[in-house]
Amino acid sequence: MSAASTQRAPDVSSSEGVAADELKQFIERIERLNEEADAIKGDIKEVFAELKGRGFDVKAVRSILRIRKQDHSERQEQEAILELYLQALGMAV
């Protein structure tokens, strides 16, 4: 057997082990981040509700957000394909 195959993983079952403390810290960090993410999701939901209340089309705004995430060349390629498909269907503008 090689030295790598005979090595053992640290004992995380021991409540006194360093690995158990480290694991607990990771779990607590993830839980805090999930709480923060939930709060941010709630904030975003409120902004969309306000947006809708002011008469904006939420579906269109979501499309704009999706488009703004894309790379410029990627967006141009998708627009060209969409235009081609619309022309093929006789729906070109």
PDB file of N, CA and C in Angstrom:
ATOM      1  N   MET A   1       0.834  -1.193   0.000  1.00  0.00           N
ATOM      2  CA  MET A   1       0.000   0.000   0.000  1.00  0.00           C
ATOM      3  C   MET A   1       0.870   1.244   0.000  1.00  0.00           C
ATOM      4  N   SER A   2       0.414   2.281  -0.651  1.00  0.00           N
ATOM      5  CA  SER A   2       1.158   3.528  -0.662  1.00  0.00           C
ATOM      6  C   SER A   2       0.859   4.317   0.597  1.00  0.00           C
ATOM      7  N   ALA A   3       1.693   5.299   0.861  1.00  0.00           N
ATOM      8  CA  ALA A   3       1.508   6.125   2.058  1.00  0.00           C
ATOM      9  C   ALA A   3       0.188   6.884   1.995  1.00  0.00           C
ATOM     10  N   ALA A   4      -0.210   7.296   0.783  1.00  0.00           N
ATOM     11  CA  ALA A   4      -1.454   8.054   0.634  1.00  0.00           C
ATOM     12  C   ALA A   4      -2.668   7.200   0.966  1.00  0.00           C
ATOM     13  N   SER A   5      -2.619   5.905   0.620  1.00  0.00           N
ATOM     14  CA  SER A   5      -3.783   5.065   0.868  1.00  0.00           C
ATOM     15  C   SER A   5      -3.891   4.640   2.326  1.00  0.00           C
ATOM     16  N   THR A   6      -2.815   4.761   3.084  1.00  0.00           N
ATOM     17  CA  THR A   6      -2.875   4.375   4.494  1.00  0.00           C
ATOM     18  C   THR A   6      -3.206   5.542   5.410  1.00  0.00           C
ATOM     19  N   GLN A   7      -3.226   6.757   4.870  1.00  0.00           N
ATOM     20  CA  GLN A   7      -3.570   7.911   5.695  1.00  0.00           C
ATOM     21  C   GLN A   7      -5.053   7.895   5.993  1.00  0.00           C
ATOM     22  N   ARG A   8      -5.393   8.348   7.175  1.00  0.00           N
ATOM     23  CA  ARG A   8      -6.791   8.378   7.579  1.00  0.00           C
ATOM     24  C   ARG A   8      -7.283   9.816   7.642  1.00  0.00           C
ATOM     25  N   ALA A   9      -8.578   9.956   7.436  1.00  0.00           N
ATOM     26  CA  ALA A   9      -9.210  11.269   7.581  1.00  0.00           C
ATOM     27  C   ALA A   9      -9.215  11.633   9.056  1.00  0.00           C
ATOM     28  N   PRO A  10      -9.191  12.940   9.373  1.00  0.00           N
ATOM     29  CA  PRO A  10      -9.235  13.351  10.773  1.00  0.00           C
ATOM     30  C   PRO A  10     -10.515  12.863  11.435  1.00  0.00           C
ATOM     31  N   ASP A  11     -10.442  12.593  12.717  1.00  0.00           N
ATOM     32  CA  ASP A  11     -11.594  12.106  13.472  1.00  0.00           C
ATOM     33  C   ASP A  11     -12.530  13.272  13.754  1.00  0.00           C
ATOM     34  N   VAL A  12     -13.646  13.336  13.027  1.00  0.00           N
ATOM     35  CA  VAL A  12     -14.611  14.408  13.237  1.00  0.00           C
ATOM     36  C   VAL A  12     -15.703  13.982  14.196  1.00  0.00           C
ATOM     37  N   SER A  13     -15.683  12.736  14.609  1.00  0.00           N
ATOM     38  CA  SER A  13     -16.726  12.276  15.521  1.00  0.00           C
ATOM     39  C   SER A  13     -16.473  12.733  16.951  1.00  0.00           C
ATOM     40  N   SER A  14     -15.260  13.101  17.249  1.00  0.00           N
ATOM     41  CA  SER A  14     -14.925  13.548  18.595  1.00  0.00           C
ATOM     42  C   SER A  14     -15.351  14.989  18.786  1.00  0.00           C
ATOM     43  N   SER A  15     -16.125  15.246  19.821  1.00  0.00           N
ATOM     44  CA  SER A  15     -16.564  16.616  20.079  1.00  0.00           C
ATOM     45  C   SER A  15     -15.410  17.476  20.564  1.00  0.00           C
ATOM     46  N   GLU A  16     -14.307  16.843  20.951  1.00  0.00           N
ATOM     47  CA  GLU A  16     -13.145  17.590  21.434  1.00  0.00           C
ATOM     48  C   GLU A  16     -12.111  17.800  20.330  1.00  0.00           C
ATOM     49  N   GLY A  17     -12.303  17.165  19.174  1.00  0.00           N
ATOM     50  CA  GLY A  17     -11.320  17.255  18.098  1.00  0.00           C
ATOM     51  C   GLY A  17     -11.363  18.596  17.400  1.00  0.00           C
ATOM     52  N   VAL A  18     -10.218  18.994  16.858  1.00  0.00           N
ATOM     53  CA  VAL A  18     -10.123  20.252  16.123  1.00  0.00           C
ATOM     54  C   VAL A  18     -11.037  20.205  14.903  1.00  0.00           C
ATOM     55  N   ALA A  19     -11.112  19.056  14.247  1.00  0.00           N
ATOM     56  CA  ALA A  19     -11.938  18.931  13.044  1.00  0.00           C
ATOM     57  C   ALA A  19     -13.415  19.155  13.365  1.00  0.00           C
ATOM     58  N   ALA A  20     -13.869  18.679  14.508  1.00  0.00           N
ATOM     59  CA  ALA A  20     -15.269  18.875  14.884  1.00  0.00           C
ATOM     60  C   ALA A  20     -15.563  20.359  15.077  1.00  0.00           C
ATOM     61  N   ASP A  21     -14.637  21.076  15.712  1.00  0.00           N
ATOM     62  CA  ASP A  21     -14.815  22.524  15.898  1.00  0.00           C
ATOM     63  C   ASP A  21     -14.819  23.246  14.559  1.00  0.00           C
ATOM     64  N   GLU A  22     -13.915  22.828  13.682  1.00  0.00           N
ATOM     65  CA  GLU A  22     -13.831  23.457  12.368  1.00  0.00           C
ATOM     66  C   GLU A  22     -15.114  23.199  11.572  1.00  0.00           C
ATOM     67  N   LEU A  23     -15.606  21.966  11.629  1.00  0.00           N
ATOM     68  CA  LEU A  23     -16.847  21.627  10.937  1.00  0.00           C
ATOM     69  C   LEU A  23     -18.003  22.459  11.469  1.00  0.00           C
ATOM     70  N   LYS A  24     -18.077  22.600  12.781  1.00  0.00           N
ATOM     71  CA  LYS A  24     -19.140  23.403  13.397  1.00  0.00           C
ATOM     72  C   LYS A  24     -19.068  24.848  12.921  1.00  0.00           C
ATOM     73  N   GLN A  25     -17.855  25.402  12.792  1.00  0.00           N
ATOM     74  CA  GLN A  25     -17.688  26.776  12.311  1.00  0.00           C
ATOM     75  C   GLN A  25     -18.186  26.913  10.871  1.00  0.00           C
ATOM     76  N   PHE A  26     -17.842  25.921  10.027  1.00  0.00           N
ATOM     77  CA  PHE A  26     -18.330  25.962   8.643  1.00  0.00           C
ATOM     78  C   PHE A  26     -19.851  25.922   8.595  1.00  0.00           C
ATOM     79  N   ILE A  27     -20.447  25.032   9.379  1.00  0.00           N
ATOM     80  CA  ILE A  27     -21.907  24.902   9.407  1.00  0.00           C
ATOM     81  C   ILE A  27     -22.549  26.215   9.847  1.00  0.00           C
ATOM     82  N   GLU A  28     -22.010  26.833  10.883  1.00  0.00           N
ATOM     83  CA  GLU A  28     -22.562  28.099  11.389  1.00  0.00           C
ATOM     84  C   GLU A  28     -22.410  29.211  10.366  1.00  0.00           C
ATOM     85  N   ARG A  29     -21.286  29.244   9.637  1.00  0.00           N
ATOM     86  CA  ARG A  29     -21.099  30.255   8.582  1.00  0.00           C
ATOM     87  C   ARG A  29     -22.140  30.074   7.488  1.00  0.00           C
ATOM     88  N   ILE A  30     -22.347  28.827   7.083  1.00  0.00           N
ATOM     89  CA  ILE A  30     -23.328  28.554   6.031  1.00  0.00           C
ATOM     90  C   ILE A  30     -24.724  28.955   6.492  1.00  0.00           C
ATOM     91  N   GLU A  31     -25.056  28.648   7.740  1.00  0.00           N
ATOM     92  CA  GLU A  31     -26.366  29.033   8.264  1.00  0.00           C
ATOM     93  C   GLU A  31     -26.547  30.545   8.274  1.00  0.00           C
ATOM     94  N   ARG A  32     -25.516  31.285   8.684  1.00  0.00           N
ATOM     95  CA  ARG A  32     -25.591  32.758   8.677  1.00  0.00           C
ATOM     96  C   ARG A  32     -25.768  33.285   7.258  1.00  0.00           C
ATOM     97  N   LEU A  33     -25.002  32.725   6.321  1.00  0.00           N
ATOM     98  CA  LEU A  33     -25.112  33.172   4.930  1.00  0.00           C
ATOM     99  C   LEU A  33     -26.488  32.865   4.354  1.00  0.00           C
ATOM    100  N   ASN A  34     -27.040  31.713   4.705  1.00  0.00           N
ATOM    101  CA  ASN A  34     -28.401  31.388   4.252  1.00  0.00           C
ATOM    102  C   ASN A  34     -29.420  32.368   4.814  1.00  0.00           C
ATOM    103  N   GLU A  35     -29.250  32.762   6.077  1.00  0.00           N
ATOM    104  CA  GLU A  35     -30.148  33.755   6.675  1.00  0.00           C
ATOM    105  C   GLU A  35     -30.031  35.088   5.947  1.00  0.00           C
ATOM    106  N   GLU A  36     -28.790  35.485   5.627  1.00  0.00           N
ATOM    107  CA  GLU A  36     -28.577  36.739   4.896  1.00  0.00           C
ATOM    108  C   GLU A  36     -29.190  36.655   3.501  1.00  0.00           C
ATOM    109  N   ALA A  37     -29.031  35.502   2.840  1.00  0.00           N
ATOM    110  CA  ALA A  37     -29.591  35.328   1.498  1.00  0.00           C
ATOM    111  C   ALA A  37     -31.114  35.418   1.538  1.00  0.00           C
ATOM    112  N   ASP A  38     -31.723  34.811   2.572  1.00  0.00           N
ATOM    113  CA  ASP A  38     -33.177  34.885   2.713  1.00  0.00           C
ATOM    114  C   ASP A  38     -33.633  36.334   2.909  1.00  0.00           C
ATOM    115  N   ALA A  39     -32.874  37.092   3.702  1.00  0.00           N
ATOM    116  CA  ALA A  39     -33.221  38.493   3.924  1.00  0.00           C
ATOM    117  C   ALA A  39     -33.104  39.284   2.621  1.00  0.00           C
ATOM    118  N   ILE A  40     -32.064  39.027   1.861  1.00  0.00           N
ATOM    119  CA  ILE A  40     -31.871  39.729   0.585  1.00  0.00           C
ATOM    120  C   ILE A  40     -32.982  39.356  -0.395  1.00  0.00           C
ATOM    121  N   LYS A  41     -33.350  38.066  -0.433  1.00  0.00           N
ATOM    122  CA  LYS A  41     -34.452  37.650  -1.309  1.00  0.00           C
ATOM    123  C   LYS A  41     -35.742  38.378  -0.939  1.00  0.00           C
ATOM    124  N   GLY A  42     -35.964  38.555   0.360  1.00  0.00           N
ATOM    125  CA  GLY A  42     -37.141  39.295   0.807  1.00  0.00           C
ATOM    126  C   GLY A  42     -37.092  40.743   0.359  1.00  0.00           C
ATOM    127  N   ASP A  43     -35.901  41.352   0.437  1.00  0.00           N
ATOM    128  CA  ASP A  43     -35.733  42.733  -0.016  1.00  0.00           C
ATOM    129  C   ASP A  43     -36.006  42.856  -1.512  1.00  0.00           C
ATOM    130  N   ILE A  44     -35.505  41.908  -2.284  1.00  0.00           N
ATOM    131  CA  ILE A  44     -35.720  41.925  -3.736  1.00  0.00           C
ATOM    132  C   ILE A  44     -37.208  41.783  -4.050  1.00  0.00           C
ATOM    133  N   LYS A  45     -37.880  40.912  -3.317  1.00  0.00           N
ATOM    134  CA  LYS A  45     -39.325  40.727  -3.512  1.00  0.00           C
ATOM    135  C   LYS A  45     -40.071  42.033  -3.247  1.00  0.00           C
ATOM    136  N   GLU A  46     -39.661  42.757  -2.209  1.00  0.00           N
ATOM    137  CA  GLU A  46     -40.286  44.039  -1.894  1.00  0.00           C
ATOM    138  C   GLU A  46     -40.052  45.060  -3.009  1.00  0.00           C
ATOM    139  N   VAL A  47     -38.851  45.067  -3.581  1.00  0.00           N
ATOM    140  CA  VAL A  47     -38.552  46.006  -4.670  1.00  0.00           C
ATOM    141  C   VAL A  47     -39.428  45.689  -5.877  1.00  0.00           C
ATOM    142  N   PHE A  48     -39.591  44.398  -6.192  1.00  0.00           N
ATOM    143  CA  PHE A  48     -40.453  44.035  -7.311  1.00  0.00           C
ATOM    144  C   PHE A  48     -41.903  44.425  -7.042  1.00  0.00           C
ATOM    145  N   ALA A  49     -42.347  44.286  -5.811  1.00  0.00           N
ATOM    146  CA  ALA A  49     -43.716  44.691  -5.472  1.00  0.00           C
ATOM    147  C   ALA A  49     -43.874  46.198  -5.640  1.00  0.00           C
ATOM    148  N   GLU A  50     -42.877  46.955  -5.209  1.00  0.00           N
ATOM    149  CA  GLU A  50     -42.918  48.416  -5.372  1.00  0.00           C
ATOM    150  C   GLU A  50     -42.905  48.788  -6.847  1.00  0.00           C
ATOM    151  N   LEU A  51     -42.066  48.100  -7.609  1.00  0.00           N
ATOM    152  CA  LEU A  51     -41.962  48.326  -9.048  1.00  0.00           C
ATOM    153  C   LEU A  51     -43.323  48.102  -9.714  1.00  0.00           C
ATOM    154  N   LYS A  52     -43.970  47.005  -9.353  1.00  0.00           N
ATOM    155  CA  LYS A  52     -45.282  46.684  -9.913  1.00  0.00           C
ATOM    156  C   LYS A  52     -46.313  47.727  -9.483  1.00  0.00           C
ATOM    157  N   GLY A  53     -46.237  48.144  -8.237  1.00  0.00           N
ATOM    158  CA  GLY A  53     -47.154  49.150  -7.726  1.00  0.00           C
ATOM    159  C   GLY A  53     -47.021  50.488  -8.434  1.00  0.00           C
ATOM    160  N   ARG A  54     -45.844  50.773  -8.955  1.00  0.00           N
ATOM    161  CA  ARG A  54     -45.612  52.023  -9.686  1.00  0.00           C
ATOM    162  C   ARG A  54     -45.957  51.896 -11.165  1.00  0.00           C
ATOM    163  N   GLY A  55     -46.484  50.717 -11.562  1.00  0.00           N
ATOM    164  CA  GLY A  55     -46.970  50.552 -12.932  1.00  0.00           C
ATOM    165  C   GLY A  55     -45.979  49.949 -13.908  1.00  0.00           C
ATOM    166  N   PHE A  56     -44.835  49.504 -13.435  1.00  0.00           N
ATOM    167  CA  PHE A  56     -43.861  48.891 -14.336  1.00  0.00           C
ATOM    168  C   PHE A  56     -44.203  47.423 -14.546  1.00  0.00           C
ATOM    169  N   ASP A  57     -43.834  46.908 -15.712  1.00  0.00           N
ATOM    170  CA  ASP A  57     -44.071  45.513 -16.050  1.00  0.00           C
ATOM    171  C   ASP A  57     -42.927  44.672 -15.466  1.00  0.00           C
ATOM    172  N   VAL A  58     -43.245  43.857 -14.472  1.00  0.00           N
ATOM    173  CA  VAL A  58     -42.243  43.066 -13.761  1.00  0.00           C
ATOM    174  C   VAL A  58     -41.574  42.063 -14.694  1.00  0.00           C
ATOM    175  N   LYS A  59     -42.343  41.461 -15.572  1.00  0.00           N
ATOM    176  CA  LYS A  59     -41.787  40.478 -16.505  1.00  0.00           C
ATOM    177  C   LYS A  59     -40.733  41.128 -17.409  1.00  0.00           C
ATOM    178  N   ALA A  60     -41.006  42.321 -17.881  1.00  0.00           N
ATOM    179  CA  ALA A  60     -40.056  43.040 -18.730  1.00  0.00           C
ATOM    180  C   ALA A  60     -38.795  43.403 -17.944  1.00  0.00           C
ATOM    181  N   VAL A  61     -38.967  43.816 -16.698  1.00  0.00           N
ATOM    182  CA  VAL A  61     -37.818  44.175 -15.865  1.00  0.00           C
ATOM    183  C   VAL A  61     -36.959  42.944 -15.607  1.00  0.00           C
ATOM    184  N   ARG A  62     -37.583  41.804 -15.359  1.00  0.00           N
ATOM    185  CA  ARG A  62     -36.817  40.566 -15.156  1.00  0.00           C
ATOM    186  C   ARG A  62     -36.020  40.219 -16.422  1.00  0.00           C
ATOM    187  N   SER A  63     -36.615  40.447 -17.585  1.00  0.00           N
ATOM    188  CA  SER A  63     -35.914  40.207 -18.844  1.00  0.00           C
ATOM    189  C   SER A  63     -34.716  41.137 -18.984  1.00  0.00           C
ATOM    190  N   ILE A  64     -34.903  42.382 -18.619  1.00  0.00           N
ATOM    191  CA  ILE A  64     -33.806  43.353 -18.679  1.00  0.00           C
ATOM    192  C   ILE A  64     -32.672  42.927 -17.751  1.00  0.00           C
ATOM    193  N   LEU A  65     -33.005  42.489 -16.540  1.00  0.00           N
ATOM    194  CA  LEU A  65     -31.980  42.039 -15.597  1.00  0.00           C
ATOM    195  C   LEU A  65     -31.209  40.842 -16.150  1.00  0.00           C
ATOM    196  N   ARG A  66     -31.924  39.908 -16.767  1.00  0.00           N
ATOM    197  CA  ARG A  66     -31.285  38.733 -17.357  1.00  0.00           C
ATOM    198  C   ARG A  66     -30.351  39.149 -18.495  1.00  0.00           C
ATOM    199  N   ILE A  67     -30.806  40.086 -19.325  1.00  0.00           N
ATOM    200  CA  ILE A  67     -30.002  40.572 -20.449  1.00  0.00           C
ATOM    201  C   ILE A  67     -28.750  41.294 -19.941  1.00  0.00           C
ATOM    202  N   ARG A  68     -28.882  42.096 -18.899  1.00  0.00           N
ATOM    203  CA  ARG A  68     -27.746  42.863 -18.378  1.00  0.00           C
ATOM    204  C   ARG A  68     -26.656  41.967 -17.788  1.00  0.00           C
ATOM    205  N   LYS A  69     -27.014  40.740 -17.407  1.00  0.00           N
ATOM    206  CA  LYS A  69     -26.025  39.796 -16.885  1.00  0.00           C
ATOM    207  C   LYS A  69     -25.170  39.194 -17.998  1.00  0.00           C
ATOM    208  N   GLN A  70     -25.683  39.212 -19.209  1.00  0.00           N
ATOM    209  CA  GLN A  70     -25.006  38.560 -20.324  1.00  0.00           C
ATOM    210  C   GLN A  70     -23.843  39.398 -20.837  1.00  0.00           C
ATOM    211  N   ASP A  71     -22.870  38.702 -21.380  1.00  0.00           N
ATOM    212  CA  ASP A  71     -21.777  39.343 -22.098  1.00  0.00           C
ATOM    213  C   ASP A  71     -22.349  39.959 -23.380  1.00  0.00           C
ATOM    214  N   HIS A  72     -21.786  41.080 -23.815  1.00  0.00           N
ATOM    215  CA  HIS A  72     -22.305  41.798 -24.979  1.00  0.00           C
ATOM    216  C   HIS A  72     -22.336  40.908 -26.224  1.00  0.00           C
ATOM    217  N   SER A  73     -21.265  40.178 -26.486  1.00  0.00           N
ATOM    218  CA  SER A  73     -21.222  39.332 -27.688  1.00  0.00           C
ATOM    219  C   SER A  73     -22.200  38.173 -27.582  1.00  0.00           C
ATOM    220  N   GLU A  74     -22.368  37.639 -26.380  1.00  0.00           N
ATOM    221  CA  GLU A  74     -23.345  36.568 -26.172  1.00  0.00           C
ATOM    222  C   GLU A  74     -24.755  37.076 -26.438  1.00  0.00           C
ATOM    223  N   ARG A  75     -25.038  38.285 -25.978  1.00  0.00           N
ATOM    224  CA  ARG A  75     -26.357  38.880 -26.195  1.00  0.00           C
ATOM    225  C   ARG A  75     -26.602  39.121 -27.684  1.00  0.00           C
ATOM    226  N   GLN A  76     -25.585  39.616 -28.392  1.00  0.00           N
ATOM    227  CA  GLN A  76     -25.737  39.864 -29.828  1.00  0.00           C
ATOM    228  C   GLN A  76     -26.012  38.560 -30.574  1.00  0.00           C
ATOM    229  N   GLU A  77     -25.319  37.503 -30.181  1.00  0.00           N
ATOM    230  CA  GLU A  77     -25.522  36.209 -30.832  1.00  0.00           C
ATOM    231  C   GLU A  77     -26.941  35.705 -30.602  1.00  0.00           C
ATOM    232  N   GLN A  78     -27.439  35.820 -29.378  1.00  0.00           N
ATOM    233  CA  GLN A  78     -28.800  35.375 -29.082  1.00  0.00           C
ATOM    234  C   GLN A  78     -29.832  36.213 -29.834  1.00  0.00           C
ATOM    235  N   GLU A  79     -29.591  37.519 -29.925  1.00  0.00           N
ATOM    236  CA  GLU A  79     -30.517  38.379 -30.655  1.00  0.00           C
ATOM    237  C   GLU A  79     -30.537  38.035 -32.140  1.00  0.00           C
ATOM    238  N   ALA A  80     -29.366  37.694 -32.705  1.00  0.00           N
ATOM    239  CA  ALA A  80     -29.286  37.327 -34.122  1.00  0.00           C
ATOM    240  C   ALA A  80     -30.037  36.027 -34.371  1.00  0.00           C
ATOM    241  N   ILE A  81     -29.891  35.063 -33.474  1.00  0.00           N
ATOM    242  CA  ILE A  81     -30.602  33.789 -33.625  1.00  0.00           C
ATOM    243  C   ILE A  81     -32.106  34.007 -33.503  1.00  0.00           C
ATOM    244  N   LEU A  82     -32.519  34.811 -32.541  1.00  0.00           N
ATOM    245  CA  LEU A  82     -33.942  35.113 -32.373  1.00  0.00           C
ATOM    246  C   LEU A  82     -34.502  35.773 -33.626  1.00  0.00           C
ATOM    247  N   GLU A  83     -33.774  36.741 -34.166  1.00  0.00           N
ATOM    248  CA  GLU A  83     -34.217  37.434 -35.377  1.00  0.00           C
ATOM    249  C   GLU A  83     -34.340  36.449 -36.538  1.00  0.00           C
ATOM    250  N   LEU A  84     -33.382  35.549 -36.680  1.00  0.00           N
ATOM    251  CA  LEU A  84     -33.412  34.544 -37.735  1.00  0.00           C
ATOM    252  C   LEU A  84     -34.639  33.650 -37.595  1.00  0.00           C
ATOM    253  N   TYR A  85     -34.916  33.198 -36.386  1.00  0.00           N
ATOM    254  CA  TYR A  85     -36.077  32.341 -36.145  1.00  0.00           C
ATOM    255  C   TYR A  85     -37.381  33.086 -36.412  1.00  0.00           C
ATOM    256  N   LEU A  86     -37.462  34.341 -35.998  1.00  0.00           N
ATOM    257  CA  LEU A  86     -38.660  35.127 -36.242  1.00  0.00           C
ATOM    258  C   LEU A  86     -38.885  35.294 -37.740  1.00  0.00           C
ATOM    259  N   GLN A  87     -37.817  35.551 -38.489  1.00  0.00           N
ATOM    260  CA  GLN A  87     -37.934  35.670 -39.945  1.00  0.00           C
ATOM    261  C   GLN A  87     -38.408  34.364 -40.565  1.00  0.00           C
ATOM    262  N   ALA A  88     -37.877  33.237 -40.064  1.00  0.00           N
ATOM    263  CA  ALA A  88     -38.265  31.928 -40.599  1.00  0.00           C
ATOM    264  C   ALA A  88     -39.743  31.653 -40.366  1.00  0.00           C
ATOM    265  N   LEU A  89     -40.290  32.209 -39.305  1.00  0.00           N
ATOM    266  CA  LEU A  89     -41.706  32.013 -38.974  1.00  0.00           C
ATOM    267  C   LEU A  89     -42.593  33.117 -39.542  1.00  0.00           C
ATOM    268  N   GLY A  90     -41.996  34.052 -40.272  1.00  0.00           N
ATOM    269  CA  GLY A  90     -42.766  35.157 -40.852  1.00  0.00           C
ATOM    270  C   GLY A  90     -43.210  36.169 -39.815  1.00  0.00           C
ATOM    271  N   MET A  91     -42.473  36.254 -38.727  1.00  0.00           N
ATOM    272  CA  MET A  91     -42.835  37.155 -37.619  1.00  0.00           C
ATOM    273  C   MET A  91     -41.852  38.315 -37.462  1.00  0.00           C
ATOM    274  N   ALA A  92     -40.973  38.515 -38.439  1.00  0.00           N
ATOM    275  CA  ALA A  92     -39.945  39.542 -38.309  1.00  0.00           C
ATOM    276  C   ALA A  92     -40.569  40.926 -38.214  1.00  0.00           C
ATOM    277  N   VAL A  93     -39.944  41.762 -37.442  1.00  0.00           N
ATOM    278  CA  VAL A  93     -40.432  43.121 -37.213  1.00  0.00           C
ATOM    279  C   VAL A  93     -39.913  44.043 -38.282  1.00  0.00           C
TER     280      VAL A  93
END
